[in-house]
């Protein structure tokens, strides 16, 4: 293509030799027969307009063939993933990203569908939802979140686990025995209780710097904590945390998920 000259049909088709050599380089596990079959499928089907398989070929039609198979539009024109095609969509978008495929899908709909299918807005979700209404209802209405972790998984959830522990410090004796054993559980639980005490006191100073009630030496409080007995101080810390978590929502009987991050939506995983 030179200057403002239109793109020719030959420039919109992948040359077979180029295709085969690229596939050999990127997919050495595939045989030449498999590569040739894929190219033939591209040439006979994927490179042609899904609405008219007779007209000229175009490599961009391969995007449309894929997106038509895995996406559909809602009544308002928003694209959604067909639930049964979710894994295929995720596998491809890991490489390409979602934007180029969504744009190809909507552009084709605008060009070849009737006026009722026209795109009305371009503010689709950052991650497309599926058309599974039950799943959507569970996630949006009941706010259930899949946040499980497999043993030795690579995803770090320490921050979430720690925030949850700092908001629910009492009645953890048995859990610490399972975690670190009978001999070490008491010391570790006491250390975590101390961390919860320091955290709530720092939070009080930040949230109420004008209140004389909280203007005292944290070190002195820590000493008093061990003088009075760890179990007594643990109960006091638990009571203080709950008072901050409930806060202004006392009449609604709705607990905040983290007294130190009450406006953070992701903390809803701590509900209950």
C-alpha atoms as a PDB file:
ATOM      1  CA  UNK A   1       0.000   0.000   0.000  1.00  0.00           C
ATOM      2  CA  UNK A   2       1.445   3.384  -1.064  1.00  0.00           C
ATOM      3  CA  UNK A   3       0.229   6.773   0.199  1.00  0.00           C
ATOM      4  CA  UNK A   4      -3.548   7.065   0.097  1.00  0.00           C
ATOM      5  CA  UNK A   5      -4.069   4.191  -2.316  1.00  0.00           C
ATOM      6  CA  UNK A   6      -6.724   1.686  -1.192  1.00  0.00           C
ATOM      7  CA  UNK A   7      -5.631  -1.653   0.189  1.00  0.00           C
ATOM      8  CA  UNK A   8      -5.779  -4.401  -2.399  1.00  0.00           C
ATOM      9  CA  UNK A   9      -7.343  -7.790  -1.743  1.00  0.00           C
ATOM     10  CA  UNK A  10      -3.935  -9.449  -1.924  1.00  0.00           C
ATOM     11  CA  UNK A  11      -2.723  -7.305   0.969  1.00  0.00           C
ATOM     12  CA  UNK A  12      -5.633  -8.479   3.127  1.00  0.00           C
ATOM     13  CA  UNK A  13      -4.782 -12.165   2.792  1.00  0.00           C
ATOM     14  CA  UNK A  14      -1.992 -13.999   4.583  1.00  0.00           C
ATOM     15  CA  UNK A  15       0.439 -15.601   2.179  1.00  0.00           C
ATOM     16  CA  UNK A  16       0.560 -19.375   2.675  1.00  0.00           C
ATOM     17  CA  UNK A  17       4.356 -19.551   2.859  1.00  0.00           C
ATOM     18  CA  UNK A  18       4.418 -16.764   5.445  1.00  0.00           C
ATOM     19  CA  UNK A  19       1.692 -18.479   7.437  1.00  0.00           C
ATOM     20  CA  UNK A  20       3.418 -21.868   7.418  1.00  0.00           C
ATOM     21  CA  UNK A  21       6.838 -20.480   8.367  1.00  0.00           C
ATOM     22  CA  UNK A  22       5.330 -18.404  11.211  1.00  0.00           C
ATOM     23  CA  UNK A  23       3.416 -21.396  12.548  1.00  0.00           C
ATOM     24  CA  UNK A  24       6.514 -23.608  12.420  1.00  0.00           C
ATOM     25  CA  UNK A  25       8.428 -21.013  14.419  1.00  0.00           C
ATOM     26  CA  UNK A  26       5.744 -20.342  17.053  1.00  0.00           C
ATOM     27  CA  UNK A  27       4.270 -23.864  17.266  1.00  0.00           C
ATOM     28  CA  UNK A  28       7.042 -26.399  16.731  1.00  0.00           C
ATOM     29  CA  UNK A  29       4.820 -29.089  18.238  1.00  0.00           C
ATOM     30  CA  UNK A  30       2.501 -28.969  15.196  1.00  0.00           C
ATOM     31  CA  UNK A  31       3.087 -31.025  12.091  1.00  0.00           C
ATOM     32  CA  UNK A  32       3.148 -29.535   8.589  1.00  0.00           C
ATOM     33  CA  UNK A  33      -0.067 -31.397   7.766  1.00  0.00           C
ATOM     34  CA  UNK A  34      -1.863 -29.746  10.699  1.00  0.00           C
ATOM     35  CA  UNK A  35      -0.551 -26.313   9.727  1.00  0.00           C
ATOM     36  CA  UNK A  36      -1.666 -26.772   6.124  1.00  0.00           C
ATOM     37  CA  UNK A  37      -5.131 -27.853   7.264  1.00  0.00           C
ATOM     38  CA  UNK A  38      -5.441 -24.728   9.436  1.00  0.00           C
ATOM     39  CA  UNK A  39      -4.413 -22.506   6.537  1.00  0.00           C
ATOM     40  CA  UNK A  40      -6.938 -24.206   4.261  1.00  0.00           C
ATOM     41  CA  UNK A  41      -9.658 -23.594   6.859  1.00  0.00           C
ATOM     42  CA  UNK A  42      -8.615 -19.941   7.010  1.00  0.00           C
ATOM     43  CA  UNK A  43      -8.623 -19.645   3.224  1.00  0.00           C
ATOM     44  CA  UNK A  44     -11.964 -21.424   2.696  1.00  0.00           C
ATOM     45  CA  UNK A  45     -13.918 -20.020   5.656  1.00  0.00           C
ATOM     46  CA  UNK A  46     -12.271 -17.700   8.191  1.00  0.00           C
ATOM     47  CA  UNK A  47     -11.065 -15.163   5.590  1.00  0.00           C
ATOM     48  CA  UNK A  48     -14.566 -14.701   4.147  1.00  0.00           C
ATOM     49  CA  UNK A  49     -17.495 -12.563   5.208  1.00  0.00           C
ATOM     50  CA  UNK A  50     -19.780 -14.699   7.426  1.00  0.00           C
ATOM     51  CA  UNK A  51     -22.808 -13.092   5.723  1.00  0.00           C
ATOM     52  CA  UNK A  52     -21.544 -13.627   2.191  1.00  0.00           C
ATOM     53  CA  UNK A  53     -18.934 -16.316   1.638  1.00  0.00           C
ATOM     54  CA  UNK A  54     -18.634 -15.408  -2.071  1.00  0.00           C
ATOM     55  CA  UNK A  55     -17.240 -11.868  -1.867  1.00  0.00           C
ATOM     56  CA  UNK A  56     -13.539 -11.017  -1.574  1.00  0.00           C
ATOM     57  CA  UNK A  57     -11.428 -12.384   1.243  1.00  0.00           C
ATOM     58  CA  UNK A  58     -10.103 -10.370   4.194  1.00  0.00           C
ATOM     59  CA  UNK A  59      -7.910 -11.555   7.052  1.00  0.00           C
ATOM     60  CA  UNK A  60      -9.937  -9.443   9.513  1.00  0.00           C
ATOM     61  CA  UNK A  61     -12.992 -11.634   8.915  1.00  0.00           C
ATOM     62  CA  UNK A  62     -11.235 -14.303  11.010  1.00  0.00           C
ATOM     63  CA  UNK A  63     -11.845 -12.067  14.057  1.00  0.00           C
ATOM     64  CA  UNK A  64     -15.528 -11.852  13.180  1.00  0.00           C
ATOM     65  CA  UNK A  65     -15.899 -15.617  12.760  1.00  0.00           C
ATOM     66  CA  UNK A  66     -14.454 -16.103  16.226  1.00  0.00           C
ATOM     67  CA  UNK A  67     -16.390 -13.332  17.991  1.00  0.00           C
ATOM     68  CA  UNK A  68     -19.691 -14.347  16.389  1.00  0.00           C
ATOM     69  CA  UNK A  69     -19.156 -17.808  17.859  1.00  0.00           C
ATOM     70  CA  UNK A  70     -18.376 -16.675  21.408  1.00  0.00           C
ATOM     71  CA  UNK A  71     -20.163 -13.317  21.861  1.00  0.00           C
ATOM     72  CA  UNK A  72     -23.686 -11.997  21.550  1.00  0.00           C
ATOM     73  CA  UNK A  73     -25.381  -8.686  22.329  1.00  0.00           C
ATOM     74  CA  UNK A  74     -27.943  -7.877  24.990  1.00  0.00           C
ATOM     75  CA  UNK A  75     -31.116  -5.927  24.173  1.00  0.00           C
ATOM     76  CA  UNK A  76     -29.305  -2.660  24.923  1.00  0.00           C
ATOM     77  CA  UNK A  77     -26.478  -3.574  22.543  1.00  0.00           C
ATOM     78  CA  UNK A  78     -23.907  -4.442  25.215  1.00  0.00           C
ATOM     79  CA  UNK A  79     -21.681  -7.395  24.300  1.00  0.00           C
ATOM     80  CA  UNK A  80     -21.643 -10.447  26.584  1.00  0.00           C
ATOM     81  CA  UNK A  81     -19.832 -13.772  26.466  1.00  0.00           C
ATOM     82  CA  UNK A  82     -21.796 -16.921  25.712  1.00  0.00           C
ATOM     83  CA  UNK A  83     -21.336 -18.887  28.911  1.00  0.00           C
ATOM     84  CA  UNK A  84     -20.565 -22.167  27.147  1.00  0.00           C
ATOM     85  CA  UNK A  85     -17.751 -20.395  25.233  1.00  0.00           C
ATOM     86  CA  UNK A  86     -16.186 -18.717  28.290  1.00  0.00           C
ATOM     87  CA  UNK A  87     -12.986 -20.801  28.385  1.00  0.00           C
ATOM     88  CA  UNK A  88     -12.385 -20.342  24.670  1.00  0.00           C
ATOM     89  CA  UNK A  89     -12.809 -16.552  25.077  1.00  0.00           C
ATOM     90  CA  UNK A  90     -10.395 -16.433  28.019  1.00  0.00           C
ATOM     91  CA  UNK A  91      -7.811 -18.517  26.189  1.00  0.00           C
ATOM     92  CA  UNK A  92      -7.746 -16.191  23.174  1.00  0.00           C
ATOM     93  CA  UNK A  93      -7.978 -12.885  25.046  1.00  0.00           C
ATOM     94  CA  UNK A  94      -4.993 -13.860  27.198  1.00  0.00           C
ATOM     95  CA  UNK A  95      -3.001 -13.263  23.994  1.00  0.00           C
ATOM     96  CA  UNK A  96      -4.951 -10.545  22.163  1.00  0.00           C
ATOM     97  CA  UNK A  97      -6.723  -8.669  24.935  1.00  0.00           C
ATOM     98  CA  UNK A  98     -10.481  -8.059  24.787  1.00  0.00           C
ATOM     99  CA  UNK A  99     -10.663  -4.664  23.083  1.00  0.00           C
ATOM    100  CA  UNK A 100      -9.664  -5.637  19.528  1.00  0.00           C
ATOM    101  CA  UNK A 101     -12.116  -8.549  19.499  1.00  0.00           C
ATOM    102  CA  UNK A 102     -15.014  -6.542  20.963  1.00  0.00           C
ATOM    103  CA  UNK A 103     -14.441  -3.715  18.460  1.00  0.00           C
ATOM    104  CA  UNK A 104     -14.381  -6.184  15.553  1.00  0.00           C
ATOM    105  CA  UNK A 105     -17.599  -7.783  16.811  1.00  0.00           C
ATOM    106  CA  UNK A 106     -19.490  -4.499  17.239  1.00  0.00           C
ATOM    107  CA  UNK A 107     -18.181  -3.004  13.984  1.00  0.00           C
ATOM    108  CA  UNK A 108     -19.388  -6.018  12.017  1.00  0.00           C
ATOM    109  CA  UNK A 109     -22.793  -5.869  13.705  1.00  0.00           C
ATOM    110  CA  UNK A 110     -23.105  -2.198  12.772  1.00  0.00           C
ATOM    111  CA  UNK A 111     -22.199  -2.883   9.137  1.00  0.00           C
ATOM    112  CA  UNK A 112     -24.254  -5.976   8.414  1.00  0.00           C
ATOM    113  CA  UNK A 113     -27.103  -6.205  10.912  1.00  0.00           C
ATOM    114  CA  UNK A 114     -30.400  -4.327  10.938  1.00  0.00           C
ATOM    115  CA  UNK A 115     -30.848  -1.001  12.678  1.00  0.00           C
ATOM    116  CA  UNK A 116     -32.057  -2.639  15.897  1.00  0.00           C
ATOM    117  CA  UNK A 117     -28.626  -4.248  16.370  1.00  0.00           C
ATOM    118  CA  UNK A 118     -26.675  -1.004  16.093  1.00  0.00           C
ATOM    119  CA  UNK A 119     -24.206  -0.204  18.852  1.00  0.00           C
ATOM    120  CA  UNK A 120     -25.740   2.415  21.149  1.00  0.00           C
ATOM    121  CA  UNK A 121     -22.774   3.014  23.412  1.00  0.00           C
ATOM    122  CA  UNK A 122     -19.112   2.087  23.678  1.00  0.00           C
ATOM    123  CA  UNK A 123     -18.774   1.928  27.468  1.00  0.00           C
ATOM    124  CA  UNK A 124     -18.797  -1.844  27.831  1.00  0.00           C
ATOM    125  CA  UNK A 125     -17.413  -3.438  30.995  1.00  0.00           C
ATOM    126  CA  UNK A 126     -13.658  -3.720  31.463  1.00  0.00           C
ATOM    127  CA  UNK A 127     -14.128  -7.473  31.707  1.00  0.00           C
ATOM    128  CA  UNK A 128     -17.123  -8.744  29.766  1.00  0.00           C
ATOM    129  CA  UNK A 129     -19.766 -10.612  31.778  1.00  0.00           C
ATOM    130  CA  UNK A 130     -21.331 -13.837  30.583  1.00  0.00           C
ATOM    131  CA  UNK A 131     -24.945 -14.325  29.524  1.00  0.00           C
ATOM    132  CA  UNK A 132     -25.505 -16.692  32.454  1.00  0.00           C
ATOM    133  CA  UNK A 133     -28.259 -14.851  34.345  1.00  0.00           C
ATOM    134  CA  UNK A 134     -28.036 -17.067  37.427  1.00  0.00           C
ATOM    135  CA  UNK A 135     -24.311 -16.462  37.782  1.00  0.00           C
ATOM    136  CA  UNK A 136     -24.802 -12.711  37.283  1.00  0.00           C
ATOM    137  CA  UNK A 137     -27.528 -12.721  39.952  1.00  0.00           C
ATOM    138  CA  UNK A 138     -25.300 -14.515  42.470  1.00  0.00           C
ATOM    139  CA  UNK A 139     -22.345 -12.166  41.953  1.00  0.00           C
ATOM    140  CA  UNK A 140     -24.294  -8.886  41.783  1.00  0.00           C
ATOM    141  CA  UNK A 141     -27.173  -9.427  44.210  1.00  0.00           C
ATOM    142  CA  UNK A 142     -25.674 -11.758  46.816  1.00  0.00           C
ATOM    143  CA  UNK A 143     -22.130 -10.399  46.319  1.00  0.00           C
ATOM    144  CA  UNK A 144     -20.565 -13.838  46.418  1.00  0.00           C
ATOM    145  CA  UNK A 145     -16.948 -13.902  45.254  1.00  0.00           C
ATOM    146  CA  UNK A 146     -14.791 -16.859  44.305  1.00  0.00           C
ATOM    147  CA  UNK A 147     -11.692 -16.181  46.402  1.00  0.00           C
ATOM    148  CA  UNK A 148     -10.424 -19.679  47.113  1.00  0.00           C
ATOM    149  CA  UNK A 149      -6.762 -20.620  46.933  1.00  0.00           C
ATOM    150  CA  UNK A 150      -5.175 -23.955  46.121  1.00  0.00           C
ATOM    151  CA  UNK A 151      -2.286 -25.311  48.155  1.00  0.00           C
ATOM    152  CA  UNK A 152       0.996 -23.657  47.111  1.00  0.00           C
ATOM    153  CA  UNK A 153      -0.837 -21.406  44.649  1.00  0.00           C
ATOM    154  CA  UNK A 154       1.067 -18.460  43.235  1.00  0.00           C
ATOM    155  CA  UNK A 155      -1.540 -15.825  44.107  1.00  0.00           C
ATOM    156  CA  UNK A 156      -0.756 -13.982  47.347  1.00  0.00           C
ATOM    157  CA  UNK A 157      -3.740 -13.534  49.664  1.00  0.00           C
ATOM    158  CA  UNK A 158      -1.782 -12.597  52.796  1.00  0.00           C
ATOM    159  CA  UNK A 159      -3.126  -9.035  52.820  1.00  0.00           C
ATOM    160  CA  UNK A 160      -6.733 -10.204  52.723  1.00  0.00           C
ATOM    161  CA  UNK A 161      -6.165 -12.918  55.343  1.00  0.00           C
ATOM    162  CA  UNK A 162      -4.374 -10.488  57.660  1.00  0.00           C
ATOM    163  CA  UNK A 163      -7.097  -7.836  57.384  1.00  0.00           C
ATOM    164  CA  UNK A 164      -9.711 -10.475  58.188  1.00  0.00           C
ATOM    165  CA  UNK A 165      -7.706 -11.644  61.215  1.00  0.00           C
ATOM    166  CA  UNK A 166      -7.286  -8.069  62.455  1.00  0.00           C
ATOM    167  CA  UNK A 167     -11.077  -7.647  62.390  1.00  0.00           C
ATOM    168  CA  UNK A 168     -11.868 -10.977  64.058  1.00  0.00           C
ATOM    169  CA  UNK A 169      -9.212 -11.500  66.737  1.00  0.00           C
ATOM    170  CA  UNK A 170     -11.128 -13.498  69.336  1.00  0.00           C
ATOM    171  CA  UNK A 171     -11.821 -17.268  69.536  1.00  0.00           C
ATOM    172  CA  UNK A 172      -8.759 -18.261  67.482  1.00  0.00           C
ATOM    173  CA  UNK A 173      -7.042 -20.637  69.927  1.00  0.00           C
ATOM    174  CA  UNK A 174      -7.912 -23.822  68.087  1.00  0.00           C
ATOM    175  CA  UNK A 175      -6.954 -22.370  64.715  1.00  0.00           C
ATOM    176  CA  UNK A 176      -3.496 -21.354  65.959  1.00  0.00           C
ATOM    177  CA  UNK A 177      -2.964 -24.826  67.441  1.00  0.00           C
ATOM    178  CA  UNK A 178      -3.683 -26.345  64.039  1.00  0.00           C
ATOM    179  CA  UNK A 179      -1.493 -23.780  62.289  1.00  0.00           C
ATOM    180  CA  UNK A 180       1.700 -23.829  64.405  1.00  0.00           C
ATOM    181  CA  UNK A 181       1.205 -26.649  66.911  1.00  0.00           C
ATOM    182  CA  UNK A 182       0.351 -26.819  70.592  1.00  0.00           C
ATOM    183  CA  UNK A 183       3.683 -25.482  71.893  1.00  0.00           C
ATOM    184  CA  UNK A 184       3.923 -22.365  69.732  1.00  0.00           C
ATOM    185  CA  UNK A 185       0.238 -21.478  69.386  1.00  0.00           C
ATOM    186  CA  UNK A 186      -0.005 -19.405  72.597  1.00  0.00           C
ATOM    187  CA  UNK A 187       2.960 -17.161  71.808  1.00  0.00           C
ATOM    188  CA  UNK A 188       1.905 -16.641  68.195  1.00  0.00           C
ATOM    189  CA  UNK A 189      -1.698 -15.885  69.136  1.00  0.00           C
ATOM    190  CA  UNK A 190      -0.507 -13.370  71.739  1.00  0.00           C
ATOM    191  CA  UNK A 191       1.722 -11.687  69.144  1.00  0.00           C
ATOM    192  CA  UNK A 192      -1.196 -11.406  66.693  1.00  0.00           C
ATOM    193  CA  UNK A 193      -3.381 -10.007  69.480  1.00  0.00           C
ATOM    194  CA  UNK A 194      -0.711  -7.406  70.152  1.00  0.00           C
ATOM    195  CA  UNK A 195      -0.687  -6.515  66.428  1.00  0.00           C
ATOM    196  CA  UNK A 196      -4.484  -6.107  66.491  1.00  0.00           C
ATOM    197  CA  UNK A 197      -4.193  -3.861  69.553  1.00  0.00           C
ATOM    198  CA  UNK A 198      -1.549  -1.656  67.901  1.00  0.00           C
ATOM    199  CA  UNK A 199      -3.577  -1.497  64.675  1.00  0.00           C
ATOM    200  CA  UNK A 200      -6.789  -0.344  66.364  1.00  0.00           C
ATOM    201  CA  UNK A 201      -4.950   2.239  68.476  1.00  0.00           C
ATOM    202  CA  UNK A 202      -3.194   3.693  65.427  1.00  0.00           C
ATOM    203  CA  UNK A 203      -6.529   3.775  63.595  1.00  0.00           C
ATOM    204  CA  UNK A 204      -8.136   5.630  66.530  1.00  0.00           C
ATOM    205  CA  UNK A 205      -5.394   8.259  66.487  1.00  0.00           C
ATOM    206  CA  UNK A 206      -5.846   8.786  62.753  1.00  0.00           C
ATOM    207  CA  UNK A 207      -9.651   8.882  62.841  1.00  0.00           C
ATOM    208  CA  UNK A 208     -10.013  10.954  66.052  1.00  0.00           C
ATOM    209  CA  UNK A 209      -6.888  13.079  66.527  1.00  0.00           C
ATOM    210  CA  UNK A 210      -8.943  15.653  68.458  1.00  0.00           C
ATOM    211  CA  UNK A 211     -10.268  13.197  71.046  1.00  0.00           C
ATOM    212  CA  UNK A 212      -8.424  13.262  74.402  1.00  0.00           C
ATOM    213  CA  UNK A 213      -9.603   9.710  75.034  1.00  0.00           C
ATOM    214  CA  UNK A 214      -7.182   8.321  72.462  1.00  0.00           C
ATOM    215  CA  UNK A 215      -4.225  10.623  73.135  1.00  0.00           C
ATOM    216  CA  UNK A 216      -2.130   8.336  75.243  1.00  0.00           C
ATOM    217  CA  UNK A 217       1.054   6.346  74.970  1.00  0.00           C
ATOM    218  CA  UNK A 218       0.577   3.144  72.967  1.00  0.00           C
ATOM    219  CA  UNK A 219       3.565   1.566  74.707  1.00  0.00           C
ATOM    220  CA  UNK A 220       1.907   2.154  78.066  1.00  0.00           C
ATOM    221  CA  UNK A 221      -1.250   0.523  76.758  1.00  0.00           C
ATOM    222  CA  UNK A 222       0.732  -2.494  75.615  1.00  0.00           C
ATOM    223  CA  UNK A 223       2.315  -2.851  79.072  1.00  0.00           C
ATOM    224  CA  UNK A 224      -1.101  -2.568  80.702  1.00  0.00           C
ATOM    225  CA  UNK A 225      -2.414  -5.140  78.239  1.00  0.00           C
ATOM    226  CA  UNK A 226      -0.024  -7.819  79.529  1.00  0.00           C
ATOM    227  CA  UNK A 227      -0.405  -6.709  83.163  1.00  0.00           C
ATOM    228  CA  UNK A 228      -4.191  -7.187  83.051  1.00  0.00           C
ATOM    229  CA  UNK A 229      -3.902 -10.526  81.284  1.00  0.00           C
ATOM    230  CA  UNK A 230      -3.847 -11.372  77.602  1.00  0.00           C
ATOM    231  CA  UNK A 231      -7.347 -12.857  77.505  1.00  0.00           C
ATOM    232  CA  UNK A 232      -8.866  -9.782  79.163  1.00  0.00           C
ATOM    233  CA  UNK A 233      -7.084  -7.465  76.734  1.00  0.00           C
ATOM    234  CA  UNK A 234      -8.071  -9.651  73.816  1.00  0.00           C
ATOM    235  CA  UNK A 235     -11.727  -9.248  74.764  1.00  0.00           C
ATOM    236  CA  UNK A 236     -11.293  -5.490  75.133  1.00  0.00           C
ATOM    237  CA  UNK A 237      -9.581  -5.281  71.746  1.00  0.00           C
ATOM    238  CA  UNK A 238     -12.353  -7.377  70.188  1.00  0.00           C
ATOM    239  CA  UNK A 239     -15.001  -5.068  71.678  1.00  0.00           C
ATOM    240  CA  UNK A 240     -13.196  -1.948  70.463  1.00  0.00           C
ATOM    241  CA  UNK A 241     -12.774  -3.351  66.946  1.00  0.00           C
ATOM    242  CA  UNK A 242     -16.468  -4.217  66.727  1.00  0.00           C
ATOM    243  CA  UNK A 243     -17.417  -0.742  67.915  1.00  0.00           C
ATOM    244  CA  UNK A 244     -15.398   0.785  65.082  1.00  0.00           C
ATOM    245  CA  UNK A 245     -16.633  -1.732  62.516  1.00  0.00           C
ATOM    246  CA  UNK A 246     -20.286  -1.052  63.280  1.00  0.00           C
ATOM    247  CA  UNK A 247     -19.765   2.712  63.592  1.00  0.00           C
ATOM    248  CA  UNK A 248     -22.603   4.744  62.089  1.00  0.00           C
ATOM    249  CA  UNK A 249     -24.312   1.611  60.789  1.00  0.00           C
ATOM    250  CA  UNK A 250     -25.497   0.516  64.239  1.00  0.00           C
ATOM    251  CA  UNK A 251     -29.158   1.248  63.432  1.00  0.00           C
ATOM    252  CA  UNK A 252     -28.929  -0.670  60.166  1.00  0.00           C
ATOM    253  CA  UNK A 253     -27.307  -3.655  61.883  1.00  0.00           C
ATOM    254  CA  UNK A 254     -24.734  -3.821  59.093  1.00  0.00           C
ATOM    255  CA  UNK A 255     -21.096  -4.473  60.033  1.00  0.00           C
ATOM    256  CA  UNK A 256     -18.228  -2.951  58.119  1.00  0.00           C
ATOM    257  CA  UNK A 257     -15.751  -5.471  56.779  1.00  0.00           C
ATOM    258  CA  UNK A 258     -12.668  -3.605  57.966  1.00  0.00           C
ATOM    259  CA  UNK A 259     -12.888  -0.677  60.369  1.00  0.00           C
ATOM    260  CA  UNK A 260      -9.725   0.776  58.767  1.00  0.00           C
ATOM    261  CA  UNK A 261     -10.998   0.502  55.184  1.00  0.00           C
ATOM    262  CA  UNK A 262     -14.742   0.920  55.453  1.00  0.00           C
ATOM    263  CA  UNK A 263     -15.142   2.550  52.027  1.00  0.00           C
ATOM    264  CA  UNK A 264     -13.257  -0.159  50.116  1.00  0.00           C
ATOM    265  CA  UNK A 265     -15.705  -2.274  48.119  1.00  0.00           C
ATOM    266  CA  UNK A 266     -13.353  -5.247  47.838  1.00  0.00           C
ATOM    267  CA  UNK A 267     -13.629  -5.740  51.609  1.00  0.00           C
ATOM    268  CA  UNK A 268     -17.113  -7.206  51.059  1.00  0.00           C
ATOM    269  CA  UNK A 269     -15.421 -10.629  50.959  1.00  0.00           C
ATOM    270  CA  UNK A 270     -15.461 -10.450  54.768  1.00  0.00           C
ATOM    271  CA  UNK A 271     -19.254 -10.340  55.009  1.00  0.00           C
ATOM    272  CA  UNK A 272     -20.574 -12.306  57.965  1.00  0.00           C
END
